[in-house]
Amino acid sequence: MWHAAARTDDVAVSRRHGLVRYRRGAGEDTAAFARRIRTLRTPDAEEPHGTESGDGDGVVAVERAAAGKRVLLAVVNGDAAPEKVSGTVYRLLPGPVDGCGLDRVAAGDLVASLG
Protein backbone atom coordinates (compact mmCIF):
# COMPACT_ATOMS: atom_id res chain seq x y z
CA MET A 1 0.00 0.00 0.00
CA TRP A 2 2.87 2.41 0.71
CA HIS A 3 4.41 1.53 -2.63
CA ALA A 4 1.14 2.20 -4.43
CA ALA A 5 0.42 5.45 -2.62
CA ALA A 6 3.93 6.76 -3.24
CA ARG A 7 4.11 5.81 -6.92
CA THR A 8 0.71 6.62 -8.38
CA ASP A 9 -2.50 8.56 -8.05
CA ASP A 10 -4.71 5.63 -9.08
CA VAL A 11 -4.82 2.34 -7.10
CA ALA A 12 -7.03 -0.73 -7.59
CA VAL A 13 -7.46 -3.27 -4.78
CA SER A 14 -9.03 -6.67 -5.36
CA ARG A 15 -11.35 -7.65 -2.53
CA ARG A 16 -13.63 -10.62 -2.11
CA HIS A 17 -16.69 -8.78 -3.42
CA GLY A 18 -14.99 -6.87 -6.23
CA LEU A 19 -12.39 -4.37 -7.28
CA VAL A 20 -12.23 -1.07 -5.40
CA ARG A 21 -10.43 1.93 -6.84
CA TYR A 22 -8.78 4.83 -5.09
CA ARG A 23 -7.74 8.07 -6.75
CA ARG A 24 -5.60 10.56 -4.89
CA GLY A 25 -7.68 13.59 -4.01
CA ALA A 26 -6.60 17.16 -4.72
CA GLY A 27 -4.19 18.09 -1.93
CA GLU A 28 -4.15 14.55 -0.47
CA ASP A 29 -0.60 13.76 0.59
CA THR A 30 1.01 10.33 0.36
CA ALA A 31 0.40 9.44 4.02
CA ALA A 32 -3.31 10.32 3.85
CA PHE A 33 -3.71 8.47 0.54
CA ALA A 34 -1.93 5.40 1.95
CA ARG A 35 -4.11 5.47 5.07
CA ARG A 36 -7.27 5.58 2.96
CA ILE A 37 -6.07 2.60 0.89
CA ARG A 38 -4.91 0.65 3.96
CA THR A 39 -8.21 1.05 5.77
CA LEU A 40 -10.17 0.29 2.57
CA ARG A 41 -12.41 3.27 3.30
CA THR A 42 -14.05 5.67 0.91
CA PRO A 43 -13.20 4.09 -2.44
CA ASP A 44 -13.78 6.32 -5.46
CA ALA A 45 -15.27 3.48 -7.48
CA GLU A 46 -16.22 -0.18 -7.11
CA GLU A 47 -16.85 -2.90 -9.65
CA PRO A 48 -17.89 -6.51 -9.14
CA HIS A 49 -15.47 -9.23 -10.10
CA GLY A 50 -16.02 -10.48 -13.62
CA THR A 51 -16.92 -14.07 -14.16
CA GLU A 52 -16.20 -14.32 -17.87
CA SER A 53 -13.70 -17.08 -17.15
CA GLY A 54 -16.09 -18.74 -14.72
CA ASP A 55 -13.78 -18.31 -11.76
CA GLY A 56 -15.43 -15.33 -10.05
CA ASP A 57 -12.32 -14.84 -7.90
CA GLY A 58 -11.17 -11.51 -9.24
CA VAL A 59 -8.72 -12.60 -11.91
CA VAL A 60 -10.78 -11.07 -14.71
CA ALA A 61 -11.22 -7.76 -12.88
CA VAL A 62 -7.51 -7.54 -12.07
CA GLU A 63 -6.54 -8.34 -15.65
CA ARG A 64 -8.98 -5.73 -16.97
CA ALA A 65 -7.75 -3.06 -14.53
CA ALA A 66 -4.06 -3.65 -15.33
CA ALA A 67 -4.21 -4.31 -19.09
CA GLY A 68 -2.14 -1.92 -21.16
CA LYS A 69 -0.71 -0.06 -18.15
CA ARG A 70 2.51 0.22 -16.22
CA VAL A 71 1.73 -1.44 -12.88
CA LEU A 72 2.98 -2.67 -9.56
CA LEU A 73 0.94 -5.83 -9.19
CA ALA A 74 1.07 -7.41 -5.72
CA VAL A 75 -0.89 -10.66 -5.49
CA VAL A 76 -1.05 -13.87 -3.51
CA ASN A 77 -1.77 -16.14 -6.47
CA GLY A 78 -0.09 -15.60 -9.81
CA ASP A 79 -3.32 -16.39 -11.67
CA ALA A 80 -3.84 -13.00 -13.32
CA ALA A 81 -1.93 -12.36 -16.55
CA PRO A 82 -2.85 -8.89 -17.86
CA GLU A 83 -2.21 -8.22 -21.54
CA LYS A 84 0.21 -5.56 -22.83
CA VAL A 85 1.33 -4.74 -19.31
CA SER A 86 4.67 -3.49 -18.04
CA GLY A 87 6.09 -2.92 -14.60
CA THR A 88 6.66 -5.11 -11.57
CA VAL A 89 4.94 -8.06 -9.92
CA TYR A 90 5.24 -9.41 -6.41
CA ARG A 91 3.42 -12.71 -5.97
CA LEU A 92 3.54 -15.44 -3.35
CA LEU A 93 2.50 -18.32 -5.60
CA PRO A 94 3.56 -18.80 -9.23
CA GLY A 95 1.19 -18.82 -12.15
CA PRO A 96 0.47 -17.23 -15.53
CA VAL A 97 1.58 -13.81 -14.23
CA ASP A 98 5.16 -15.07 -14.45
CA GLY A 99 4.99 -15.03 -18.24
CA CYS A 100 3.11 -11.78 -18.89
CA GLY A 101 6.15 -9.50 -19.13
CA LEU A 102 6.35 -8.09 -15.62
CA ASP A 103 9.62 -8.00 -13.68
CA ARG A 104 9.31 -10.27 -10.64
CA VAL A 105 10.50 -9.07 -7.24
CA ALA A 106 10.74 -10.74 -3.85
CA ALA A 107 9.50 -9.40 -0.52
CA GLY A 108 13.00 -8.20 0.34
CA ASP A 109 13.12 -6.12 -2.84
CA LEU A 110 9.90 -4.34 -1.86
CA VAL A 111 11.21 -3.58 1.62
CA ALA A 112 14.60 -2.42 0.31
CA SER A 113 13.00 -0.03 -2.16
CA LEU A 114 11.23 1.81 0.69
CA GLY A 115 14.73 2.84 1.61
C-alpha atoms as a PDB file:
ATOM      1  CA  MET A   1       0.000   0.000   0.000  1.00  0.00           C
ATOM      2  CA  TRP A   2       2.873   2.406   0.712  1.00  0.00           C
ATOM      3  CA  HIS A   3       4.414   1.533  -2.630  1.00  0.00           C
ATOM      4  CA  ALA A   4       1.144   2.198  -4.425  1.00  0.00           C
ATOM      5  CA  ALA A   5       0.420   5.450  -2.625  1.00  0.00           C
ATOM      6  CA  ALA A   6       3.931   6.763  -3.236  1.00  0.00           C
ATOM      7  CA  ARG A   7       4.108   5.808  -6.924  1.00  0.00           C
ATOM      8  CA  THR A   8       0.712   6.619  -8.383  1.00  0.00           C
ATOM      9  CA  ASP A   9      -2.500   8.564  -8.050  1.00  0.00           C
ATOM     10  CA  ASP A  10      -4.710   5.625  -9.079  1.00  0.00           C
ATOM     11  CA  VAL A  11      -4.822   2.343  -7.100  1.00  0.00           C
ATOM     12  CA  ALA A  12      -7.029  -0.725  -7.590  1.00  0.00           C
ATOM     13  CA  VAL A  13      -7.463  -3.268  -4.777  1.00  0.00           C
ATOM     14  CA  SER A  14      -9.033  -6.666  -5.364  1.00  0.00           C
ATOM     15  CA  ARG A  15     -11.350  -7.652  -2.532  1.00  0.00           C
ATOM     16  CA  ARG A  16     -13.628 -10.625  -2.106  1.00  0.00           C
ATOM     17  CA  HIS A  17     -16.695  -8.776  -3.425  1.00  0.00           C
ATOM     18  CA  GLY A  18     -14.989  -6.869  -6.230  1.00  0.00           C
ATOM     19  CA  LEU A  19     -12.388  -4.367  -7.277  1.00  0.00           C
ATOM     20  CA  VAL A  20     -12.235  -1.071  -5.400  1.00  0.00           C
ATOM     21  CA  ARG A  21     -10.426   1.933  -6.836  1.00  0.00           C
ATOM     22  CA  TYR A  22      -8.777   4.826  -5.092  1.00  0.00           C
ATOM     23  CA  ARG A  23      -7.743   8.065  -6.755  1.00  0.00           C
ATOM     24  CA  ARG A  24      -5.598  10.561  -4.892  1.00  0.00           C
ATOM     25  CA  GLY A  25      -7.681  13.592  -4.009  1.00  0.00           C
ATOM     26  CA  ALA A  26      -6.597  17.162  -4.715  1.00  0.00           C
ATOM     27  CA  GLY A  27      -4.194  18.090  -1.932  1.00  0.00           C
ATOM     28  CA  GLU A  28      -4.151  14.554  -0.474  1.00  0.00           C
ATOM     29  CA  ASP A  29      -0.596  13.762   0.590  1.00  0.00           C
ATOM     30  CA  THR A  30       1.011  10.333   0.357  1.00  0.00           C
ATOM     31  CA  ALA A  31       0.398   9.439   4.017  1.00  0.00           C
ATOM     32  CA  ALA A  32      -3.306  10.317   3.847  1.00  0.00           C
ATOM     33  CA  PHE A  33      -3.709   8.471   0.544  1.00  0.00           C
ATOM     34  CA  ALA A  34      -1.927   5.395   1.954  1.00  0.00           C
ATOM     35  CA  ARG A  35      -4.111   5.472   5.070  1.00  0.00           C
ATOM     36  CA  ARG A  36      -7.271   5.578   2.955  1.00  0.00           C
ATOM     37  CA  ILE A  37      -6.075   2.604   0.891  1.00  0.00           C
ATOM     38  CA  ARG A  38      -4.910   0.649   3.964  1.00  0.00           C
ATOM     39  CA  THR A  39      -8.210   1.053   5.770  1.00  0.00           C
ATOM     40  CA  LEU A  40     -10.172   0.292   2.574  1.00  0.00           C
ATOM     41  CA  ARG A  41     -12.414   3.267   3.297  1.00  0.00           C
ATOM     42  CA  THR A  42     -14.054   5.666   0.908  1.00  0.00           C
ATOM     43  CA  PRO A  43     -13.199   4.093  -2.442  1.00  0.00           C
ATOM     44  CA  ASP A  44     -13.776   6.320  -5.457  1.00  0.00           C
ATOM     45  CA  ALA A  45     -15.273   3.478  -7.480  1.00  0.00           C
ATOM     46  CA  GLU A  46     -16.220  -0.181  -7.106  1.00  0.00           C
ATOM     47  CA  GLU A  47     -16.853  -2.896  -9.653  1.00  0.00           C
ATOM     48  CA  PRO A  48     -17.891  -6.508  -9.143  1.00  0.00           C
ATOM     49  CA  HIS A  49     -15.468  -9.234 -10.099  1.00  0.00           C
ATOM     50  CA  GLY A  50     -16.016 -10.476 -13.615  1.00  0.00           C
ATOM     51  CA  THR A  51     -16.920 -14.074 -14.156  1.00  0.00           C
ATOM     52  CA  GLU A  52     -16.197 -14.318 -17.871  1.00  0.00           C
ATOM     53  CA  SER A  53     -13.703 -17.085 -17.150  1.00  0.00           C
ATOM     54  CA  GLY A  54     -16.088 -18.736 -14.720  1.00  0.00           C
ATOM     55  CA  ASP A  55     -13.777 -18.305 -11.760  1.00  0.00           C
ATOM     56  CA  GLY A  56     -15.426 -15.334 -10.047  1.00  0.00           C
ATOM     57  CA  ASP A  57     -12.316 -14.842  -7.902  1.00  0.00           C
ATOM     58  CA  GLY A  58     -11.173 -11.509  -9.237  1.00  0.00           C
ATOM     59  CA  VAL A  59      -8.718 -12.604 -11.905  1.00  0.00           C
ATOM     60  CA  VAL A  60     -10.778 -11.075 -14.712  1.00  0.00           C
ATOM     61  CA  ALA A  61     -11.225  -7.757 -12.881  1.00  0.00           C
ATOM     62  CA  VAL A  62      -7.508  -7.540 -12.068  1.00  0.00           C
ATOM     63  CA  GLU A  63      -6.542  -8.339 -15.649  1.00  0.00           C
ATOM     64  CA  ARG A  64      -8.977  -5.731 -16.975  1.00  0.00           C
ATOM     65  CA  ALA A  65      -7.748  -3.058 -14.529  1.00  0.00           C
ATOM     66  CA  ALA A  66      -4.061  -3.652 -15.328  1.00  0.00           C
ATOM     67  CA  ALA A  67      -4.209  -4.306 -19.088  1.00  0.00           C
ATOM     68  CA  GLY A  68      -2.138  -1.922 -21.165  1.00  0.00           C
ATOM     69  CA  LYS A  69      -0.713  -0.064 -18.154  1.00  0.00           C
ATOM     70  CA  ARG A  70       2.506   0.224 -16.217  1.00  0.00           C
ATOM     71  CA  VAL A  71       1.733  -1.439 -12.883  1.00  0.00           C
ATOM     72  CA  LEU A  72       2.976  -2.668  -9.558  1.00  0.00           C
ATOM     73  CA  LEU A  73       0.937  -5.834  -9.190  1.00  0.00           C
ATOM     74  CA  ALA A  74       1.073  -7.414  -5.718  1.00  0.00           C
ATOM     75  CA  VAL A  75      -0.885 -10.656  -5.493  1.00  0.00           C
ATOM     76  CA  VAL A  76      -1.048 -13.871  -3.510  1.00  0.00           C
ATOM     77  CA  ASN A  77      -1.766 -16.143  -6.470  1.00  0.00           C
ATOM     78  CA  GLY A  78      -0.088 -15.595  -9.807  1.00  0.00           C
ATOM     79  CA  ASP A  79      -3.320 -16.394 -11.668  1.00  0.00           C
ATOM     80  CA  ALA A  80      -3.844 -12.997 -13.324  1.00  0.00           C
ATOM     81  CA  ALA A  81      -1.930 -12.362 -16.547  1.00  0.00           C
ATOM     82  CA  PRO A  82      -2.854  -8.895 -17.858  1.00  0.00           C
ATOM     83  CA  GLU A  83      -2.205  -8.216 -21.542  1.00  0.00           C
ATOM     84  CA  LYS A  84       0.206  -5.564 -22.831  1.00  0.00           C
ATOM     85  CA  VAL A  85       1.328  -4.739 -19.308  1.00  0.00           C
ATOM     86  CA  SER A  86       4.672  -3.492 -18.038  1.00  0.00           C
ATOM     87  CA  GLY A  87       6.091  -2.924 -14.602  1.00  0.00           C
ATOM     88  CA  THR A  88       6.658  -5.109 -11.569  1.00  0.00           C
ATOM     89  CA  VAL A  89       4.943  -8.063  -9.924  1.00  0.00           C
ATOM     90  CA  TYR A  90       5.238  -9.414  -6.411  1.00  0.00           C
ATOM     91  CA  ARG A  91       3.420 -12.709  -5.970  1.00  0.00           C
ATOM     92  CA  LEU A  92       3.544 -15.441  -3.348  1.00  0.00           C
ATOM     93  CA  LEU A  93       2.496 -18.317  -5.597  1.00  0.00           C
ATOM     94  CA  PRO A  94       3.562 -18.803  -9.230  1.00  0.00           C
ATOM     95  CA  GLY A  95       1.194 -18.820 -12.152  1.00  0.00           C
ATOM     96  CA  PRO A  96       0.475 -17.229 -15.529  1.00  0.00           C
ATOM     97  CA  VAL A  97       1.581 -13.809 -14.232  1.00  0.00           C
ATOM     98  CA  ASP A  98       5.164 -15.073 -14.450  1.00  0.00           C
ATOM     99  CA  GLY A  99       4.986 -15.028 -18.241  1.00  0.00           C
ATOM    100  CA  CYS A 100       3.113 -11.781 -18.888  1.00  0.00           C
ATOM    101  CA  GLY A 101       6.149  -9.498 -19.129  1.00  0.00           C
ATOM    102  CA  LEU A 102       6.347  -8.088 -15.621  1.00  0.00           C
ATOM    103  CA  ASP A 103       9.621  -7.997 -13.682  1.00  0.00           C
ATOM    104  CA  ARG A 104       9.305 -10.272 -10.641  1.00  0.00           C
ATOM    105  CA  VAL A 105      10.502  -9.072  -7.244  1.00  0.00           C
ATOM    106  CA  ALA A 106      10.743 -10.738  -3.850  1.00  0.00           C
ATOM    107  CA  ALA A 107       9.500  -9.395  -0.525  1.00  0.00           C
ATOM    108  CA  GLY A 108      12.999  -8.198   0.340  1.00  0.00           C
ATOM    109  CA  ASP A 109      13.115  -6.123  -2.840  1.00  0.00           C
ATOM    110  CA  LEU A 110       9.899  -4.336  -1.855  1.00  0.00           C
ATOM    111  CA  VAL A 111      11.212  -3.576   1.621  1.00  0.00           C
ATOM    112  CA  ALA A 112      14.603  -2.420   0.312  1.00  0.00           C
ATOM    113  CA  SER A 113      12.996  -0.033  -2.162  1.00  0.00           C
ATOM    114  CA  LEU A 114      11.226   1.806   0.687  1.00  0.00           C
ATOM    115  CA  GLY A 115      14.735   2.840   1.610  1.00  0.00           C
END
